[in-house]
N, C-alpha and C. Protein backbone atom coordinates (compact mmCIF):
# COMPACT_ATOMS: atom_id res chain seq x y z
N MET A 1 61.47 23.31 87.81
CA MET A 1 62.59 24.11 87.95
C MET A 1 63.49 24.01 89.06
N ALA A 2 64.71 23.96 88.89
CA ALA A 2 65.70 23.81 90.05
C ALA A 2 65.52 24.83 90.98
N LYS A 3 65.85 24.46 92.30
CA LYS A 3 65.84 25.38 93.43
C LYS A 3 66.70 26.74 93.14
N ILE A 4 67.81 26.62 92.64
CA ILE A 4 68.72 27.66 92.29
C ILE A 4 68.11 28.71 91.38
N GLU A 5 67.45 28.15 90.33
CA GLU A 5 66.76 28.93 89.31
C GLU A 5 65.58 29.58 89.95
N GLU A 6 64.85 29.02 90.91
CA GLU A 6 63.60 29.60 91.55
C GLU A 6 64.14 30.76 92.40
N LYS A 7 65.23 30.52 93.20
CA LYS A 7 65.77 31.56 94.07
C LYS A 7 66.26 32.77 93.28
N VAL A 8 67.10 32.42 92.22
CA VAL A 8 67.50 33.61 91.48
C VAL A 8 66.29 34.36 90.82
N GLU A 9 65.35 33.73 90.19
CA GLU A 9 64.30 34.40 89.49
C GLU A 9 63.54 35.33 90.69
N GLU A 10 63.23 34.73 91.81
CA GLU A 10 62.64 35.59 92.83
C GLU A 10 63.56 36.86 93.18
N LEU A 11 64.84 36.63 93.31
CA LEU A 11 65.79 37.70 93.49
C LEU A 11 65.91 38.85 92.53
N VAL A 12 65.84 38.43 91.28
CA VAL A 12 66.13 39.53 90.19
C VAL A 12 64.79 40.10 89.54
N THR A 13 63.69 39.45 89.82
CA THR A 13 62.44 39.91 89.06
C THR A 13 62.20 41.37 89.41
N LYS A 14 62.11 41.75 90.56
CA LYS A 14 61.79 43.18 90.93
C LYS A 14 62.59 44.09 90.22
N PRO A 15 64.08 44.07 90.45
CA PRO A 15 64.99 44.99 89.89
C PRO A 15 64.88 44.94 88.24
N ILE A 16 64.70 43.77 87.67
CA ILE A 16 64.52 43.82 86.27
C ILE A 16 63.14 44.50 85.81
N ASN A 17 62.02 44.08 86.58
CA ASN A 17 60.82 44.70 86.24
C ASN A 17 60.80 46.41 86.36
N ASP A 18 61.73 46.77 87.41
CA ASP A 18 61.91 48.16 87.54
C ASP A 18 62.57 48.86 86.39
N LEU A 19 63.32 48.22 85.79
CA LEU A 19 64.02 48.62 84.54
C LEU A 19 63.09 48.61 83.26
N GLY A 20 61.85 47.99 83.37
CA GLY A 20 61.01 48.06 82.31
C GLY A 20 61.05 46.69 81.57
N TYR A 21 61.50 45.53 82.02
CA TYR A 21 61.60 44.38 81.42
C TYR A 21 60.94 43.24 82.22
N SER A 22 60.49 42.16 81.69
CA SER A 22 60.14 41.05 82.44
C SER A 22 61.08 39.84 82.42
N VAL A 23 61.12 38.94 83.37
CA VAL A 23 61.84 37.82 83.46
C VAL A 23 61.11 36.71 82.72
N TYR A 24 61.52 36.33 81.51
CA TYR A 24 60.81 35.24 80.83
C TYR A 24 61.18 33.81 81.43
N ASP A 25 62.48 33.75 81.78
CA ASP A 25 62.93 32.41 82.32
C ASP A 25 64.29 32.66 82.92
N VAL A 26 64.78 31.60 83.73
CA VAL A 26 66.00 31.41 84.30
C VAL A 26 66.48 30.26 84.22
N MET A 27 67.70 29.76 83.76
CA MET A 27 68.11 28.59 83.51
C MET A 27 69.66 28.43 84.17
N TYR A 28 69.87 27.38 85.01
CA TYR A 28 71.28 27.20 85.44
C TYR A 28 71.63 25.90 84.63
N VAL A 29 72.61 25.87 83.81
CA VAL A 29 72.99 24.75 83.05
C VAL A 29 74.59 24.65 83.08
N LYS A 30 74.85 23.40 82.95
CA LYS A 30 76.29 23.05 82.66
C LYS A 30 76.43 22.70 81.22
N GLU A 31 77.44 23.46 80.67
CA GLU A 31 77.80 23.09 79.12
C GLU A 31 79.26 22.86 79.07
N GLY A 32 79.65 21.73 78.76
CA GLY A 32 80.92 21.23 78.86
C GLY A 32 81.39 21.22 80.21
N GLN A 33 82.55 21.99 80.58
CA GLN A 33 83.04 22.14 82.03
C GLN A 33 82.55 23.32 82.56
N ASP A 34 81.74 24.17 81.82
CA ASP A 34 81.43 25.40 82.48
C ASP A 34 79.88 25.51 82.87
N ASN A 35 79.68 26.36 83.89
CA ASN A 35 78.45 26.58 84.40
C ASN A 35 77.83 27.88 83.86
N TYR A 36 76.60 28.01 83.57
CA TYR A 36 75.95 29.21 83.01
C TYR A 36 74.64 29.51 83.83
N LEU A 37 74.44 30.75 84.30
CA LEU A 37 73.33 31.18 84.62
C LEU A 37 72.67 32.02 83.50
N LYS A 38 71.58 31.59 83.07
CA LYS A 38 71.05 32.26 81.81
C LYS A 38 69.78 33.02 82.28
N ILE A 39 69.67 34.25 82.16
CA ILE A 39 68.59 34.95 82.43
C ILE A 39 67.82 35.60 81.35
N PHE A 40 66.69 35.13 80.85
CA PHE A 40 66.03 35.55 79.57
C PHE A 40 65.08 36.66 79.99
N ILE A 41 65.24 37.94 79.29
CA ILE A 41 64.33 38.89 79.68
C ILE A 41 63.56 39.39 78.43
N ASP A 42 62.44 39.99 78.65
CA ASP A 42 61.51 40.40 77.52
C ASP A 42 60.87 41.63 77.77
N ASN A 43 60.35 42.43 76.85
CA ASN A 43 59.38 43.47 76.82
C ASN A 43 58.75 43.67 75.48
N ASP A 44 57.79 44.57 75.40
CA ASP A 44 56.92 44.64 74.19
C ASP A 44 57.79 45.14 72.86
N LYS A 45 58.87 45.76 73.27
CA LYS A 45 59.66 46.39 72.20
C LYS A 45 60.81 45.56 71.70
N GLY A 46 61.11 44.38 72.31
CA GLY A 46 62.15 43.57 71.83
C GLY A 46 63.51 43.99 72.73
N ILE A 47 64.42 43.00 72.64
CA ILE A 47 65.56 43.17 73.55
C ILE A 47 66.78 43.35 72.73
N SER A 48 67.51 44.42 73.04
CA SER A 48 68.80 44.78 72.42
C SER A 48 69.93 44.43 73.22
N LEU A 49 71.28 44.54 72.81
CA LEU A 49 72.33 44.26 73.42
C LEU A 49 72.49 45.14 74.56
N ASP A 50 72.06 46.57 74.38
CA ASP A 50 72.16 47.42 75.45
C ASP A 50 71.29 47.20 76.57
N ASP A 51 70.12 46.66 76.36
CA ASP A 51 69.13 46.14 77.33
C ASP A 51 69.68 45.05 78.28
N CYS A 52 70.41 44.17 77.57
CA CYS A 52 71.08 43.00 78.17
C CYS A 52 72.15 43.61 79.17
N GLU A 53 72.93 44.60 78.61
CA GLU A 53 74.06 45.10 79.48
C GLU A 53 73.42 45.94 80.64
N LEU A 54 72.41 46.68 80.42
CA LEU A 54 71.70 47.36 81.40
C LEU A 54 71.29 46.39 82.61
N VAL A 55 70.67 45.29 82.31
CA VAL A 55 70.19 44.40 83.20
C VAL A 55 71.23 43.72 83.89
N ASN A 56 72.25 43.19 83.11
CA ASN A 56 73.53 42.61 83.64
C ASN A 56 74.20 43.53 84.81
N ASN A 57 74.19 44.84 84.48
CA ASN A 57 74.91 45.75 85.56
C ASN A 57 74.08 45.86 86.79
N ALA A 58 72.73 45.79 86.56
CA ALA A 58 71.78 46.03 87.71
C ALA A 58 71.72 44.75 88.60
N ILE A 59 72.01 43.67 88.12
CA ILE A 59 71.72 42.50 89.04
C ILE A 59 72.98 41.80 89.33
N THR A 60 74.16 42.01 88.87
CA THR A 60 75.51 41.37 89.17
C THR A 60 75.75 41.33 90.56
N ASP A 61 75.80 42.51 91.24
CA ASP A 61 76.05 42.68 92.66
C ASP A 61 75.02 42.07 93.55
N LEU A 62 73.76 42.03 93.10
CA LEU A 62 72.72 41.19 93.84
C LEU A 62 72.95 39.81 93.97
N LEU A 63 73.41 39.17 92.76
CA LEU A 63 73.67 37.82 92.68
C LEU A 63 74.90 37.52 93.37
N ASP A 64 76.01 38.31 93.44
CA ASP A 64 77.12 38.03 94.08
C ASP A 64 76.96 38.08 95.60
N GLU A 65 76.16 39.06 96.06
CA GLU A 65 75.71 39.10 97.52
C GLU A 65 74.90 37.93 97.98
N ALA A 66 73.85 37.62 97.11
CA ALA A 66 73.15 36.36 97.66
C ALA A 66 73.85 35.08 97.61
N ASN A 67 74.77 35.11 96.77
CA ASN A 67 75.71 33.84 96.79
C ASN A 67 75.10 32.42 96.71
N TYR A 68 73.88 32.46 95.99
CA TYR A 68 73.24 31.21 95.80
C TYR A 68 74.08 30.03 94.99
N ILE A 69 74.93 30.48 94.18
CA ILE A 69 75.68 29.58 93.34
C ILE A 69 77.14 29.57 93.93
N LYS A 70 77.50 28.56 94.45
CA LYS A 70 78.84 28.29 94.96
C LYS A 70 79.97 28.10 94.04
N ASP A 71 79.71 27.42 92.98
CA ASP A 71 80.77 27.23 91.87
C ASP A 71 80.81 28.39 90.99
N GLN A 72 81.93 28.58 90.34
CA GLN A 72 82.15 29.56 89.29
C GLN A 72 81.02 29.34 88.08
N TYR A 73 80.50 30.49 87.68
CA TYR A 73 79.65 30.54 86.60
C TYR A 73 79.70 31.64 85.73
N PHE A 74 79.16 31.68 84.43
CA PHE A 74 79.18 32.72 83.67
C PHE A 74 77.66 33.24 83.60
N LEU A 75 77.52 34.48 83.74
CA LEU A 75 76.13 35.13 83.67
C LEU A 75 75.85 35.39 82.24
N GLU A 76 74.73 35.06 81.62
CA GLU A 76 74.25 35.39 80.41
C GLU A 76 72.81 36.13 80.51
N ILE A 77 72.74 37.27 80.01
CA ILE A 77 71.42 37.92 79.86
C ILE A 77 71.14 37.91 78.37
N SER A 78 69.88 37.51 78.14
CA SER A 78 69.48 37.52 76.66
C SER A 78 68.04 37.57 76.56
N SER A 79 67.51 37.70 75.08
CA SER A 79 66.14 37.61 74.88
C SER A 79 65.80 36.16 74.78
N PRO A 80 64.64 35.81 75.07
CA PRO A 80 64.19 34.25 74.78
C PRO A 80 64.16 34.07 73.19
N GLY A 81 64.15 35.05 72.36
CA GLY A 81 64.08 34.96 70.96
C GLY A 81 62.66 34.53 70.54
N LEU A 82 62.46 34.53 69.10
CA LEU A 82 61.20 33.98 68.52
C LEU A 82 60.83 32.56 68.83
N GLU A 83 61.89 31.76 68.73
CA GLU A 83 61.61 30.31 68.92
C GLU A 83 62.06 30.01 70.41
N ARG A 84 61.37 30.56 71.35
CA ARG A 84 61.54 30.41 72.69
C ARG A 84 61.16 29.08 73.34
N HIS A 85 62.06 28.68 74.32
CA HIS A 85 61.73 27.49 75.03
C HIS A 85 60.53 27.68 75.86
N ILE A 86 59.82 26.56 76.10
CA ILE A 86 58.49 26.76 76.75
C ILE A 86 58.80 25.67 77.95
N ARG A 87 58.89 26.11 79.03
CA ARG A 87 59.29 25.53 80.36
C ARG A 87 58.26 25.51 81.39
N LYS A 88 57.38 26.48 81.40
CA LYS A 88 56.50 26.82 82.51
C LYS A 88 55.02 26.81 81.97
N ASP A 89 54.18 26.73 82.89
CA ASP A 89 52.64 26.88 82.56
C ASP A 89 52.42 28.26 81.96
N LYS A 90 52.92 29.32 82.54
CA LYS A 90 52.69 30.63 81.85
C LYS A 90 53.15 30.59 80.44
N HIS A 91 54.18 29.96 80.15
CA HIS A 91 54.76 30.05 78.82
C HIS A 91 53.61 29.11 77.79
N LEU A 92 53.15 28.03 78.34
CA LEU A 92 52.25 27.25 77.66
C LEU A 92 50.76 28.14 77.25
N GLN A 93 50.62 28.84 78.52
CA GLN A 93 49.41 29.69 78.30
C GLN A 93 49.51 30.76 77.17
N GLU A 94 50.78 31.39 77.15
CA GLU A 94 51.07 32.31 76.13
C GLU A 94 51.09 31.70 74.70
N SER A 95 51.30 30.53 74.61
CA SER A 95 51.59 29.79 73.36
C SER A 95 50.23 29.16 72.96
N ILE A 96 49.15 29.15 73.51
CA ILE A 96 47.97 28.40 72.95
C ILE A 96 47.65 29.08 71.72
N GLY A 97 47.29 28.39 70.73
CA GLY A 97 46.98 28.92 69.26
C GLY A 97 48.18 29.04 68.56
N LYS A 98 49.42 28.83 69.03
CA LYS A 98 50.69 29.04 68.39
C LYS A 98 51.27 27.71 68.04
N GLU A 99 52.11 27.76 67.00
CA GLU A 99 53.11 26.45 66.51
C GLU A 99 54.12 26.28 67.37
N ILE A 100 54.21 25.06 67.86
CA ILE A 100 55.32 24.43 68.76
C ILE A 100 55.91 23.36 68.14
N HIS A 101 57.11 23.06 68.69
CA HIS A 101 57.93 21.92 68.32
C HIS A 101 58.19 21.16 69.59
N ILE A 102 57.92 19.91 69.58
CA ILE A 102 57.78 19.09 70.74
C ILE A 102 58.73 17.84 70.61
N LYS A 103 59.77 17.69 71.46
CA LYS A 103 60.65 16.49 71.46
C LYS A 103 60.29 15.66 72.48
N LEU A 104 60.11 14.31 72.17
CA LEU A 104 59.53 13.31 73.23
C LEU A 104 60.63 12.38 73.67
N PHE A 105 60.40 11.89 74.85
CA PHE A 105 61.20 10.77 75.49
C PHE A 105 60.85 9.41 74.57
N LYS A 106 59.65 9.13 74.54
CA LYS A 106 59.32 7.99 73.75
C LYS A 106 58.46 8.35 72.70
N SER A 107 58.68 7.54 71.57
CA SER A 107 57.86 7.80 70.24
C SER A 107 56.41 7.70 70.41
N ILE A 108 55.72 8.53 69.68
CA ILE A 108 54.26 8.35 69.51
C ILE A 108 54.01 8.35 68.05
N GLU A 109 53.40 7.15 67.59
CA GLU A 109 53.09 6.95 66.19
C GLU A 109 54.47 6.95 65.39
N LYS A 110 55.54 6.40 65.90
CA LYS A 110 56.87 6.35 65.28
C LYS A 110 57.57 7.72 65.20
N LYS A 111 57.15 8.65 66.01
CA LYS A 111 57.80 10.04 65.84
C LYS A 111 58.25 10.35 67.31
N LYS A 112 59.47 11.00 67.38
CA LYS A 112 59.94 11.49 68.60
C LYS A 112 59.93 13.02 68.55
N GLU A 113 59.49 13.59 67.54
CA GLU A 113 59.50 15.05 67.36
C GLU A 113 58.18 15.40 66.52
N ILE A 114 57.51 16.33 67.16
CA ILE A 114 56.09 16.72 66.56
C ILE A 114 56.09 18.26 66.48
N ASP A 115 55.62 18.65 65.24
CA ASP A 115 55.23 20.11 65.12
C ASP A 115 53.72 20.19 64.97
N ALA A 116 53.17 21.01 65.79
CA ALA A 116 51.69 21.10 65.90
C ALA A 116 51.34 22.53 66.42
N ILE A 117 49.98 22.71 66.50
CA ILE A 117 49.38 23.94 67.19
C ILE A 117 49.09 23.53 68.58
N LEU A 118 49.42 24.31 69.62
CA LEU A 118 49.17 23.98 70.99
C LEU A 118 47.57 24.44 71.06
N LYS A 119 46.80 23.60 71.55
CA LYS A 119 45.25 23.79 71.85
C LYS A 119 44.99 23.94 73.33
N LYS A 120 45.55 23.14 74.13
CA LYS A 120 45.30 23.31 75.55
C LYS A 120 46.12 22.54 76.34
N PHE A 121 46.16 22.72 77.69
CA PHE A 121 46.98 21.89 78.56
C PHE A 121 46.40 21.83 79.83
N ASP A 122 46.92 20.87 80.70
CA ASP A 122 46.61 20.80 82.12
C ASP A 122 47.81 20.12 82.92
N ASN A 123 47.74 19.83 84.12
CA ASN A 123 48.93 19.34 84.92
C ASN A 123 49.38 17.93 84.25
N GLU A 124 48.67 17.31 83.59
CA GLU A 124 49.04 15.89 83.12
C GLU A 124 49.41 15.75 81.71
N SER A 125 48.78 16.62 80.80
CA SER A 125 49.07 16.42 79.47
C SER A 125 48.93 17.82 78.65
N ILE A 126 49.30 17.80 77.39
CA ILE A 126 48.95 18.95 76.48
C ILE A 126 48.28 18.28 75.33
N THR A 127 47.47 19.18 74.63
CA THR A 127 46.44 18.73 73.57
C THR A 127 47.21 19.78 72.45
N VAL A 128 47.49 19.10 71.34
CA VAL A 128 47.84 19.71 70.06
C VAL A 128 47.01 19.38 68.84
N GLU A 129 47.04 20.24 67.87
CA GLU A 129 46.41 19.97 66.67
C GLU A 129 47.49 19.69 65.56
N LEU A 130 47.47 18.63 64.93
CA LEU A 130 48.40 18.26 63.90
C LEU A 130 47.90 18.84 62.59
N GLU A 131 48.90 18.73 61.59
CA GLU A 131 48.60 19.31 60.27
C GLU A 131 47.32 18.75 59.73
N ASN A 132 47.04 17.55 59.94
CA ASN A 132 45.77 16.93 59.28
C ASN A 132 44.57 17.31 60.06
N SER A 133 44.60 18.27 61.07
CA SER A 133 43.52 18.69 61.95
C SER A 133 43.10 17.83 63.08
N GLU A 134 43.83 16.73 63.10
CA GLU A 134 43.64 15.75 64.06
C GLU A 134 44.22 16.15 65.46
N GLU A 135 43.57 15.97 66.63
CA GLU A 135 43.97 16.36 67.77
C GLU A 135 44.86 15.18 68.51
N LEU A 136 45.92 15.42 69.18
CA LEU A 136 46.68 14.58 69.92
C LEU A 136 46.95 15.02 71.19
N VAL A 137 46.81 14.00 72.21
CA VAL A 137 47.03 14.29 73.55
C VAL A 137 48.43 13.80 74.01
N ILE A 138 49.37 14.54 74.45
CA ILE A 138 50.57 14.15 74.87
C ILE A 138 50.84 14.19 76.42
N GLU A 139 51.19 13.13 77.03
CA GLU A 139 51.49 13.32 78.52
C GLU A 139 52.68 14.12 78.74
N ARG A 140 52.56 15.05 79.70
CA ARG A 140 53.66 15.96 79.98
C ARG A 140 55.04 15.25 80.40
N LYS A 141 54.79 14.07 81.06
CA LYS A 141 56.09 13.29 81.50
C LYS A 141 56.77 12.72 80.41
N ASN A 142 56.16 12.68 79.19
CA ASN A 142 56.85 12.13 77.91
C ASN A 142 57.45 13.13 77.10
N ILE A 143 57.40 14.43 77.53
CA ILE A 143 58.00 15.63 76.74
C ILE A 143 59.37 15.96 77.29
N SER A 144 60.21 15.88 76.37
CA SER A 144 61.54 16.26 76.65
C SER A 144 61.88 17.85 76.75
N SER A 145 61.32 18.42 75.52
CA SER A 145 61.36 19.82 75.54
C SER A 145 60.27 20.28 74.52
N ILE A 146 59.96 21.49 74.62
CA ILE A 146 58.98 22.20 73.86
C ILE A 146 59.53 23.70 73.53
N LYS A 147 59.28 24.23 72.33
CA LYS A 147 59.67 25.52 71.89
C LYS A 147 58.80 25.96 70.95
N ARG A 148 58.58 27.26 70.85
CA ARG A 148 57.73 27.92 69.72
C ARG A 148 58.63 27.72 68.56
N THR A 149 57.79 27.83 67.49
CA THR A 149 58.43 27.85 66.18
C THR A 149 57.82 29.05 65.39
N PHE A 150 58.74 29.37 64.38
CA PHE A 150 58.48 30.54 63.70
C PHE A 150 58.57 30.36 62.18
N LYS A 151 57.66 30.43 61.45
CA LYS A 151 57.81 30.16 59.88
C LYS A 151 58.07 31.51 59.27
N TRP A 152 59.32 31.49 58.50
CA TRP A 152 59.71 32.73 57.79
C TRP A 152 59.02 32.49 56.55
N ASN A 153 58.53 33.63 55.95
CA ASN A 153 57.87 33.55 54.62
C ASN A 153 58.90 33.88 53.63
């Protein structure tokens, strides 16, 4: 996680927690010519537009005062969604036993994308169970992205 993301997460966690939400993730990204600070919030009841507005209003002045980001940026507050990105160990821990979608830098068995059940992880690798019940160990340095998947019935 980038330094800016870590500093912002540290700054906004307490005020967001005080409102009854948790910080799922913070991302500072460039999309086209614009910079975005994306703060993903969560709670047990789900996140509404009103929740996002409440959090936005509570942290905007804090972010402006801290002035961690010198460039102009857009602030986005949202839910991580059902198919949430997995970027931290705590996200991996929450996803054990769940279905995930993995994008790889280098192919494994001629595949650059894998859908599987997350079984375990450590600092070096993750272990998943494939559809055929076979286990596959993937080096974390070969993982481009991971996100939870949700199958609609």
